[in-house]
PDB file of N, CA and C in Angstrom:
ATOM      1  N   UNK A   1       0.791  -0.891   0.492  1.00  0.00           N
ATOM      2  CA  UNK A   1       0.372   0.064   0.199  1.00  0.00           C
ATOM      3  C   UNK A   1       1.000   1.041   0.096  1.00  0.00           C
ATOM      4  N   UNK A   2       0.430   2.037  -1.097  1.00  0.00           N
ATOM      5  CA  UNK A   2       1.643   3.400  -0.738  1.00  0.00           C
ATOM      6  C   UNK A   2       1.452   4.414   0.536  1.00  0.00           C
ATOM      7  N   UNK A   3       0.359   4.302   1.061  1.00  0.00           N
ATOM      8  CA  UNK A   3       0.541   5.453   1.844  1.00  0.00           C
ATOM      9  C   UNK A   3       0.583   4.833   3.250  1.00  0.00           C
ATOM     10  N   UNK A   4       1.584   4.913   3.914  1.00  0.00           N
ATOM     11  CA  UNK A   4       2.243   3.598   4.665  1.00  0.00           C
ATOM     12  C   UNK A   4       1.786   4.125   5.917  1.00  0.00           C
ATOM     13  N   UNK A   5       1.765   5.789   5.878  1.00  0.00           N
ATOM     14  CA  UNK A   5       1.155   6.601   7.667  1.00  0.00           C
ATOM     15  C   UNK A   5      -0.389   6.551   7.803  1.00  0.00           C
ATOM     16  N   UNK A   6      -0.758   6.392   6.780  1.00  0.00           N
ATOM     17  CA  UNK A   6      -1.885   5.847   6.714  1.00  0.00           C
ATOM     18  C   UNK A   6      -2.677   4.585   6.959  1.00  0.00           C
ATOM     19  N   UNK A   7      -1.718   3.805   6.255  1.00  0.00           N
ATOM     20  CA  UNK A   7      -2.471   2.451   6.659  1.00  0.00           C
ATOM     21  C   UNK A   7      -2.100   1.825   8.067  1.00  0.00           C
ATOM     22  N   UNK A   8      -1.413   2.054   8.866  1.00  0.00           N
ATOM     23  CA  UNK A   8      -0.785   1.875  10.162  1.00  0.00           C
ATOM     24  C   UNK A   8      -2.028   3.162  11.171  1.00  0.00           C
ATOM     25  N   UNK A   9      -2.008   3.913  10.648  1.00  0.00           N
ATOM     26  CA  UNK A   9      -2.790   4.252  11.798  1.00  0.00           C
ATOM     27  C   UNK A   9      -4.384   3.877  11.716  1.00  0.00           C
ATOM     28  N   UNK A  10      -4.768   3.529  10.004  1.00  0.00           N
ATOM     29  CA  UNK A  10      -5.914   3.151  10.366  1.00  0.00           C
ATOM     30  C   UNK A  10      -6.068   1.795  11.050  1.00  0.00           C
ATOM     31  N   UNK A  11      -4.969   1.133  10.533  1.00  0.00           N
ATOM     32  CA  UNK A  11      -4.778  -0.513  11.712  1.00  0.00           C
ATOM     33  C   UNK A  11      -4.755  -0.545  13.055  1.00  0.00           C
ATOM     34  N   UNK A  12      -3.816   0.476  13.912  1.00  0.00           N
ATOM     35  CA  UNK A  12      -4.362   1.348  15.122  1.00  0.00           C
ATOM     36  C   UNK A  12      -6.126   1.247  15.169  1.00  0.00           C
ATOM     37  N   UNK A  13      -6.892   2.071  14.812  1.00  0.00           N
ATOM     38  CA  UNK A  13      -8.064   2.254  15.047  1.00  0.00           C
ATOM     39  C   UNK A  13      -9.083   0.723  14.679  1.00  0.00           C
ATOM     40  N   UNK A  14      -8.686   0.043  13.784  1.00  0.00           N
ATOM     41  CA  UNK A  14      -9.104  -1.127  13.194  1.00  0.00           C
ATOM     42  C   UNK A  14      -8.804  -1.790  14.816  1.00  0.00           C
ATOM     43  N   UNK A  15      -7.743  -1.736  15.405  1.00  0.00           N
ATOM     44  CA  UNK A  15      -7.150  -3.122  16.201  1.00  0.00           C
ATOM     45  C   UNK A  15      -8.145  -2.667  17.181  1.00  0.00           C
ATOM     46  N   UNK A  16      -8.399  -1.073  17.922  1.00  0.00           N
ATOM     47  CA  UNK A  16      -8.831  -0.719  19.209  1.00  0.00           C
ATOM     48  C   UNK A  16     -10.370  -0.872  19.045  1.00  0.00           C
ATOM     49  N   UNK A  17     -11.007  -0.641  17.652  1.00  0.00           N
ATOM     50  CA  UNK A  17     -12.419  -1.083  17.637  1.00  0.00           C
ATOM     51  C   UNK A  17     -12.891  -2.291  17.312  1.00  0.00           C
ATOM     52  N   UNK A  18     -11.979  -3.191  17.772  1.00  0.00           N
ATOM     53  CA  UNK A  18     -12.222  -4.387  17.364  1.00  0.00           C
ATOM     54  C   UNK A  18     -12.672  -5.069  15.074  1.00  0.00           C
ATOM     55  N   UNK A  19     -12.800  -4.239  14.734  1.00  0.00           N
ATOM     56  CA  UNK A  19     -12.484  -4.568  13.419  1.00  0.00           C
ATOM     57  C   UNK A  19     -11.686  -5.268  12.575  1.00  0.00           C
ATOM     58  N   UNK A  20     -10.606  -5.702  13.474  1.00  0.00           N
ATOM     59  CA  UNK A  20      -9.702  -7.007  12.925  1.00  0.00           C
ATOM     60  C   UNK A  20      -9.708  -7.791  13.999  1.00  0.00           C
ATOM     61  N   UNK A  21     -10.236  -8.838  13.750  1.00  0.00           N
ATOM     62  CA  UNK A  21     -10.420 -10.271  14.255  1.00  0.00           C
ATOM     63  C   UNK A  21     -10.696 -11.823  13.852  1.00  0.00           C
ATOM     64  N   UNK A  22     -10.875 -12.475  14.574  1.00  0.00           N
ATOM     65  CA  UNK A  22     -10.431 -14.158  13.744  1.00  0.00           C
ATOM     66  C   UNK A  22     -11.737 -14.453  12.849  1.00  0.00           C
ATOM     67  N   UNK A  23     -12.489 -13.682  12.685  1.00  0.00           N
ATOM     68  CA  UNK A  23     -13.480 -13.668  11.985  1.00  0.00           C
ATOM     69  C   UNK A  23     -13.379 -11.881  10.377  1.00  0.00           C
ATOM     70  N   UNK A  24     -12.313 -11.277  10.092  1.00  0.00           N
ATOM     71  CA  UNK A  24     -12.179 -10.764   9.215  1.00  0.00           C
ATOM     72  C   UNK A  24     -10.348  -9.844   9.916  1.00  0.00           C
ATOM     73  N   UNK A  25      -9.482 -10.205   9.029  1.00  0.00           N
ATOM     74  CA  UNK A  25      -8.257 -10.678   9.207  1.00  0.00           C
ATOM     75  C   UNK A  25      -7.814  -9.446   8.262  1.00  0.00           C
ATOM     76  N   UNK A  26      -6.075  -9.131   8.839  1.00  0.00           N
ATOM     77  CA  UNK A  26      -5.656  -7.906   8.989  1.00  0.00           C
ATOM     78  C   UNK A  26      -5.911  -7.661   7.056  1.00  0.00           C
ATOM     79  N   UNK A  27      -5.512  -9.374   6.414  1.00  0.00           N
ATOM     80  CA  UNK A  27      -5.375  -8.347   4.970  1.00  0.00           C
ATOM     81  C   UNK A  27      -6.701  -8.530   4.467  1.00  0.00           C
ATOM     82  N   UNK A  28      -7.744  -8.952   4.897  1.00  0.00           N
ATOM     83  CA  UNK A  28      -9.009  -8.559   4.761  1.00  0.00           C
ATOM     84  C   UNK A  28      -9.550  -7.420   5.011  1.00  0.00           C
ATOM     85  N   UNK A  29      -8.781  -6.973   5.855  1.00  0.00           N
ATOM     86  CA  UNK A  29      -8.835  -5.386   6.281  1.00  0.00           C
ATOM     87  C   UNK A  29      -8.086  -4.226   5.586  1.00  0.00           C
ATOM     88  N   UNK A  30      -6.913  -4.787   4.995  1.00  0.00           N
ATOM     89  CA  UNK A  30      -6.396  -3.513   4.323  1.00  0.00           C
ATOM     90  C   UNK A  30      -7.007  -3.692   2.576  1.00  0.00           C
ATOM     91  N   UNK A  31      -7.808  -4.961   2.488  1.00  0.00           N
ATOM     92  CA  UNK A  31      -8.459  -4.935   1.262  1.00  0.00           C
ATOM     93  C   UNK A  31      -9.192  -3.897   1.330  1.00  0.00           C
ATOM     94  N   UNK A  32      -9.945  -3.440   2.047  1.00  0.00           N
ATOM     95  CA  UNK A  32     -11.343  -3.331   2.057  1.00  0.00           C
ATOM     96  C   UNK A  32     -10.851  -1.653   1.837  1.00  0.00           C
ATOM     97  N   UNK A  33      -9.269  -1.596   2.983  1.00  0.00           N
ATOM     98  CA  UNK A  33      -8.831  -0.074   3.198  1.00  0.00           C
ATOM     99  C   UNK A  33      -8.760   0.053   1.815  1.00  0.00           C
ATOM    100  N   UNK A  34      -7.917  -0.435   1.257  1.00  0.00           N
ATOM    101  CA  UNK A  34      -7.288  -0.082   0.144  1.00  0.00           C
ATOM    102  C   UNK A  34      -8.419   0.423  -1.106  1.00  0.00           C
ATOM    103  N   UNK A  35      -9.843   0.173  -1.157  1.00  0.00           N
ATOM    104  CA  UNK A  35     -10.972  -0.151  -1.555  1.00  0.00           C
ATOM    105  C   UNK A  35     -11.222   1.304  -1.408  1.00  0.00           C
ATOM    106  N   UNK A  36     -11.812   2.090  -0.178  1.00  0.00           N
ATOM    107  CA  UNK A  36     -12.240   2.606   0.067  1.00  0.00           C
ATOM    108  C   UNK A  36     -10.786   4.297  -0.261  1.00  0.00           C
ATOM    109  N   UNK A  37      -9.761   3.822  -0.327  1.00  0.00           N
ATOM    110  CA  UNK A  37      -8.471   4.757  -0.077  1.00  0.00           C
ATOM    111  C   UNK A  37      -9.049   4.860  -1.740  1.00  0.00           C
ATOM    112  N   UNK A  38      -9.052   4.352  -2.774  1.00  0.00           N
ATOM    113  CA  UNK A  38      -9.192   4.848  -3.587  1.00  0.00           C
ATOM    114  C   UNK A  38     -10.220   5.658  -4.435  1.00  0.00           C
ATOM    115  N   UNK A  39     -11.690   5.869  -3.749  1.00  0.00           N
ATOM    116  CA  UNK A  39     -12.296   7.435  -4.120  1.00  0.00           C
ATOM    117  C   UNK A  39     -11.509   8.123  -3.579  1.00  0.00           C
ATOM    118  N   UNK A  40     -10.334   8.251  -2.855  1.00  0.00           N
ATOM    119  CA  UNK A  40     -10.240   9.667  -2.454  1.00  0.00           C
ATOM    120  C   UNK A  40      -9.088  10.452  -3.265  1.00  0.00           C
ATOM    121  N   UNK A  41      -9.468  11.496  -3.448  1.00  0.00           N
ATOM    122  CA  UNK A  41      -8.332  12.098  -3.891  1.00  0.00           C
ATOM    123  C   UNK A  41      -6.755  11.747  -3.835  1.00  0.00           C
ATOM    124  N   UNK A  42      -6.079  11.705  -4.296  1.00  0.00           N
ATOM    125  CA  UNK A  42      -4.730  10.974  -4.504  1.00  0.00           C
ATOM    126  C   UNK A  42      -3.996  12.526  -3.491  1.00  0.00           C
ATOM    127  N   UNK A  43      -4.143  14.116  -3.849  1.00  0.00           N
ATOM    128  CA  UNK A  43      -3.576  15.415  -2.740  1.00  0.00           C
ATOM    129  C   UNK A  43      -3.779  15.020  -1.786  1.00  0.00           C
ATOM    130  N   UNK A  44      -5.047  15.003  -1.289  1.00  0.00           N
ATOM    131  CA  UNK A  44      -5.442  14.777  -0.093  1.00  0.00           C
ATOM    132  C   UNK A  44      -5.084  13.337   1.000  1.00  0.00           C
ATOM    133  N   UNK A  45      -4.692  12.262  -0.127  1.00  0.00           N
ATOM    134  CA  UNK A  45      -4.266  11.279   0.810  1.00  0.00           C
ATOM    135  C   UNK A  45      -2.283  11.598   1.018  1.00  0.00           C
ATOM    136  N   UNK A  46      -2.033  12.207  -0.132  1.00  0.00           N
ATOM    137  CA  UNK A  46      -0.440  12.472   0.080  1.00  0.00           C
ATOM    138  C   UNK A  46      -0.348  13.529   0.856  1.00  0.00           C
ATOM    139  N   UNK A  47      -1.247  14.914   1.382  1.00  0.00           N
ATOM    140  CA  UNK A  47      -0.725  15.589   2.441  1.00  0.00           C
ATOM    141  C   UNK A  47      -1.226  14.509   3.735  1.00  0.00           C
ATOM    142  N   UNK A  48      -2.370  14.164   3.815  1.00  0.00           N
ATOM    143  CA  UNK A  48      -2.353  13.369   4.858  1.00  0.00           C
ATOM    144  C   UNK A  48      -1.577  12.406   5.422  1.00  0.00           C
ATOM    145  N   UNK A  49      -0.756  11.400   4.620  1.00  0.00           N
ATOM    146  CA  UNK A  49      -0.410  10.590   4.393  1.00  0.00           C
ATOM    147  C   UNK A  49       1.221  11.631   5.288  1.00  0.00           C
ATOM    148  N   UNK A  50       1.649  12.224   4.874  1.00  0.00           N
ATOM    149  CA  UNK A  50       2.312  13.285   5.421  1.00  0.00           C
ATOM    150  C   UNK A  50       2.379  13.541   6.514  1.00  0.00           C
ATOM    151  N   UNK A  51       1.288  13.493   7.086  1.00  0.00           N
ATOM    152  CA  UNK A  51       0.754  14.788   8.100  1.00  0.00           C
ATOM    153  C   UNK A  51       0.929  13.053   9.637  1.00  0.00           C
ATOM    154  N   UNK A  52       0.490  12.459   8.655  1.00  0.00           N
ATOM    155  CA  UNK A  52       0.602  11.564  10.070  1.00  0.00           C
ATOM    156  C   UNK A  52       1.913  10.895  10.348  1.00  0.00           C
ATOM    157  N   UNK A  53       3.012  11.355   8.919  1.00  0.00           N
ATOM    158  CA  UNK A  53       3.688  10.598   8.968  1.00  0.00           C
ATOM    159  C   UNK A  53       4.815  11.115  10.311  1.00  0.00           C
ATOM    160  N   UNK A  54       4.242  12.391  10.910  1.00  0.00           N
ATOM    161  CA  UNK A  54       5.323  13.672  11.559  1.00  0.00           C
ATOM    162  C   UNK A  54       4.812  13.230  12.856  1.00  0.00           C
ATOM    163  N   UNK A  55       3.870  12.057  12.868  1.00  0.00           N
ATOM    164  CA  UNK A  55       2.814  11.545  14.599  1.00  0.00           C
ATOM    165  C   UNK A  55       3.783  10.689  15.434  1.00  0.00           C
ATOM    166  N   UNK A  56       3.944  10.569  16.478  1.00  0.00           N
ATOM    167  CA  UNK A  56       4.619   9.169  16.871  1.00  0.00           C
ATOM    168  C   UNK A  56       3.479   8.047  17.786  1.00  0.00           C
ATOM    169  N   UNK A  57       3.800   6.965  17.684  1.00  0.00           N
ATOM    170  CA  UNK A  57       2.617   6.010  18.192  1.00  0.00           C
ATOM    171  C   UNK A  57       1.391   6.651  19.313  1.00  0.00           C
ATOM    172  N   UNK A  58       1.944   6.882  20.397  1.00  0.00           N
ATOM    173  CA  UNK A  58       0.944   7.728  20.792  1.00  0.00           C
ATOM    174  C   UNK A  58      -0.039   8.480  20.706  1.00  0.00           C
ATOM    175  N   UNK A  59       0.883   9.564  19.473  1.00  0.00           N
ATOM    176  CA  UNK A  59      -0.017  10.557  18.794  1.00  0.00           C
ATOM    177  C   UNK A  59      -1.310  10.161  17.783  1.00  0.00           C
ATOM    178  N   UNK A  60      -0.797   9.025  17.627  1.00  0.00           N
ATOM    179  CA  UNK A  60      -1.197   8.210  16.925  1.00  0.00           C
ATOM    180  C   UNK A  60      -2.370   7.173  17.028  1.00  0.00           C
ATOM    181  N   UNK A  61      -2.259   6.766  18.600  1.00  0.00           N
ATOM    182  CA  UNK A  61      -3.012   6.322  19.322  1.00  0.00           C
ATOM    183  C   UNK A  61      -4.435   7.524  19.422  1.00  0.00           C
ATOM    184  N   UNK A  62      -3.904   8.160  20.229  1.00  0.00           N
ATOM    185  CA  UNK A  62      -4.817   9.948  20.302  1.00  0.00           C
ATOM    186  C   UNK A  62      -5.895  10.219  19.199  1.00  0.00           C
ATOM    187  N   UNK A  63      -5.209  10.376  17.846  1.00  0.00           N
ATOM    188  CA  UNK A  63      -6.277  10.860  17.073  1.00  0.00           C
ATOM    189  C   UNK A  63      -7.033   9.910  16.549  1.00  0.00           C
ATOM    190  N   UNK A  64      -6.845   8.268  17.146  1.00  0.00           N
ATOM    191  CA  UNK A  64      -7.801   7.514  16.477  1.00  0.00           C
ATOM    192  C   UNK A  64      -8.452   6.820  17.605  1.00  0.00           C
ATOM    193  N   UNK A  65      -8.088   7.336  18.572  1.00  0.00           N
ATOM    194  CA  UNK A  65      -8.823   7.256  19.704  1.00  0.00           C
ATOM    195  C   UNK A  65      -9.403   7.924  20.941  1.00  0.00           C
ATOM    196  N   UNK A  66      -8.713   9.154  20.912  1.00  0.00           N
ATOM    197  CA  UNK A  66      -8.832   9.503  22.011  1.00  0.00           C
ATOM    198  C   UNK A  66     -10.166  10.620  21.887  1.00  0.00           C
ATOM    199  N   UNK A  67      -9.865  11.344  23.028  1.00  0.00           N
ATOM    200  CA  UNK A  67     -10.945  12.436  24.017  1.00  0.00           C
ATOM    201  C   UNK A  67     -10.963  13.188  22.825  1.00  0.00           C
ATOM    202  N   UNK A  68     -12.126  13.824  22.574  1.00  0.00           N
ATOM    203  CA  UNK A  68     -12.427  15.120  21.571  1.00  0.00           C
ATOM    204  C   UNK A  68     -11.331  16.009  22.012  1.00  0.00           C
ATOM    205  N   UNK A  69     -10.800  16.526  23.265  1.00  0.00           N
ATOM    206  CA  UNK A  69     -10.110  17.701  23.965  1.00  0.00           C
ATOM    207  C   UNK A  69      -8.735  16.831  23.448  1.00  0.00           C
ATOM    208  N   UNK A  70      -8.083  16.005  24.072  1.00  0.00           N
ATOM    209  CA  UNK A  70      -6.650  14.674  23.717  1.00  0.00           C
ATOM    210  C   UNK A  70      -6.817  15.236  21.766  1.00  0.00           C
ATOM    211  N   UNK A  71      -7.483  14.946  20.832  1.00  0.00           N
ATOM    212  CA  UNK A  71      -8.020  15.004  19.247  1.00  0.00           C
ATOM    213  C   UNK A  71      -7.253  16.318  18.971  1.00  0.00           C
ATOM    214  N   UNK A  72      -8.317  17.160  19.579  1.00  0.00           N
ATOM    215  CA  UNK A  72      -8.078  18.844  19.130  1.00  0.00           C
ATOM    216  C   UNK A  72      -6.237  19.269  18.818  1.00  0.00           C
ATOM    217  N   UNK A  73      -5.776  19.209  20.589  1.00  0.00           N
ATOM    218  CA  UNK A  73      -4.651  19.624  20.874  1.00  0.00           C
ATOM    219  C   UNK A  73      -3.736  18.888  19.626  1.00  0.00           C
ATOM    220  N   UNK A  74      -4.420  17.860  18.984  1.00  0.00           N
ATOM    221  CA  UNK A  74      -3.377  17.276  17.701  1.00  0.00           C
ATOM    222  C   UNK A  74      -2.961  18.687  16.692  1.00  0.00           C
ATOM    223  N   UNK A  75      -3.858  19.075  16.779  1.00  0.00           N
ATOM    224  CA  UNK A  75      -4.639  20.397  15.460  1.00  0.00           C
ATOM    225  C   UNK A  75      -3.921  19.591  13.857  1.00  0.00           C
ATOM    226  N   UNK A  76      -4.823  18.625  14.147  1.00  0.00           N
ATOM    227  CA  UNK A  76      -5.136  18.433  12.748  1.00  0.00           C
ATOM    228  C   UNK A  76      -5.719  18.323  11.901  1.00  0.00           C
ATOM    229  N   UNK A  77      -5.379  18.000  10.794  1.00  0.00           N
ATOM    230  CA  UNK A  77      -6.014  19.230   9.208  1.00  0.00           C
ATOM    231  C   UNK A  77      -7.265  18.488   9.520  1.00  0.00           C
ATOM    232  N   UNK A  78      -7.763  19.275   9.067  1.00  0.00           N
ATOM    233  CA  UNK A  78      -9.467  18.912   9.100  1.00  0.00           C
ATOM    234  C   UNK A  78     -10.055  17.935   7.555  1.00  0.00           C
ATOM    235  N   UNK A  79      -9.053  17.691   6.875  1.00  0.00           N
ATOM    236  CA  UNK A  79      -8.962  16.734   5.405  1.00  0.00           C
ATOM    237  C   UNK A  79      -8.550  15.476   6.347  1.00  0.00           C
ATOM    238  N   UNK A  80      -7.912  15.462   7.439  1.00  0.00           N
ATOM    239  CA  UNK A  80      -6.980  14.814   7.834  1.00  0.00           C
ATOM    240  C   UNK A  80      -8.497  13.832   8.367  1.00  0.00           C
ATOM    241  N   UNK A  81      -8.993  14.526   9.293  1.00  0.00           N
ATOM    242  CA  UNK A  81     -10.575  14.208  10.395  1.00  0.00           C
ATOM    243  C   UNK A  81     -11.136  13.603   9.388  1.00  0.00           C
ATOM    244  N   UNK A  82     -11.917  14.332   8.835  1.00  0.00           N
ATOM    245  CA  UNK A  82     -12.720  14.102   7.715  1.00  0.00           C
ATOM    246  C   UNK A  82     -12.367  12.059   6.560  1.00  0.00           C
ATOM    247  N   UNK A  83     -10.886  11.959   6.404  1.00  0.00           N
ATOM    248  CA  UNK A  83     -10.615  11.005   5.969  1.00  0.00           C
ATOM    249  C   UNK A  83     -11.090   9.829   7.321  1.00  0.00           C
ATOM    250  N   UNK A  84     -10.346  10.423   8.057  1.00  0.00           N
ATOM    251  CA  UNK A  84     -10.523   9.149   8.631  1.00  0.00           C
ATOM    252  C   UNK A  84     -12.008   8.917   9.499  1.00  0.00           C
ATOM    253  N   UNK A  85     -13.300   9.781   9.259  1.00  0.00           N
ATOM    254  CA  UNK A  85     -14.350   9.912   9.693  1.00  0.00           C
ATOM    255  C   UNK A  85     -14.734   8.767   8.735  1.00  0.00           C
ATOM    256  N   UNK A  86     -14.511   9.356   7.420  1.00  0.00           N
ATOM    257  CA  UNK A  86     -14.790   7.910   6.099  1.00  0.00           C
ATOM    258  C   UNK A  86     -14.080   6.534   6.455  1.00  0.00           C
ATOM    259  N   UNK A  87     -12.990   6.382   7.232  1.00  0.00           N
ATOM    260  CA  UNK A  87     -12.809   5.020   6.866  1.00  0.00           C
ATOM    261  C   UNK A  87     -13.227   4.740   7.898  1.00  0.00           C
ATOM    262  N   UNK A  88     -13.491   5.069   9.384  1.00  0.00           N
ATOM    263  CA  UNK A  88     -14.380   4.366  10.361  1.00  0.00           C
ATOM    264  C   UNK A  88     -15.936   4.180   9.701  1.00  0.00           C
ATOM    265  N   UNK A  89     -16.352   4.744   9.062  1.00  0.00           N
ATOM    266  CA  UNK A  89     -17.774   4.528   8.607  1.00  0.00           C
ATOM    267  C   UNK A  89     -17.825   3.326   7.550  1.00  0.00           C
ATOM    268  N   UNK A  90     -17.013   3.856   6.728  1.00  0.00           N
ATOM    269  CA  UNK A  90     -17.313   2.304   5.162  1.00  0.00           C
ATOM    270  C   UNK A  90     -16.259   1.796   5.828  1.00  0.00           C
ATOM    271  N   UNK A  91     -14.977   0.942   6.310  1.00  0.00           N
ATOM    272  CA  UNK A  91     -14.314   0.343   6.613  1.00  0.00           C
ATOM    273  C   UNK A  91     -14.082  -0.568   7.480  1.00  0.00           C
ATOM    274  N   UNK A  92     -14.247   0.498   8.674  1.00  0.00           N
ATOM    275  CA  UNK A  92     -14.474   0.256  10.096  1.00  0.00           C
ATOM    276  C   UNK A  92     -16.091  -0.697  10.217  1.00  0.00           C
TER     277      UNK A  92
END
């Protein structure tokens, strides 16, 4: 997958929400993620990937599952928030 930071953050979110389990493997999840990302604007994906790549694991964990206050403190770009809301709704 081209967008490694997006993939890693989506995996953290999926594990936290039980979307990867004995009924849905990591490979199946990644196939679904890949299909969802194909619908997205490439420039936004690249920018999201760059922004996510600046975060450490703790920050990614907060971004994908923290409280609203914790997430707001990361000052994430709106298009990244929107992307992960769509991933949550469509892929998880």
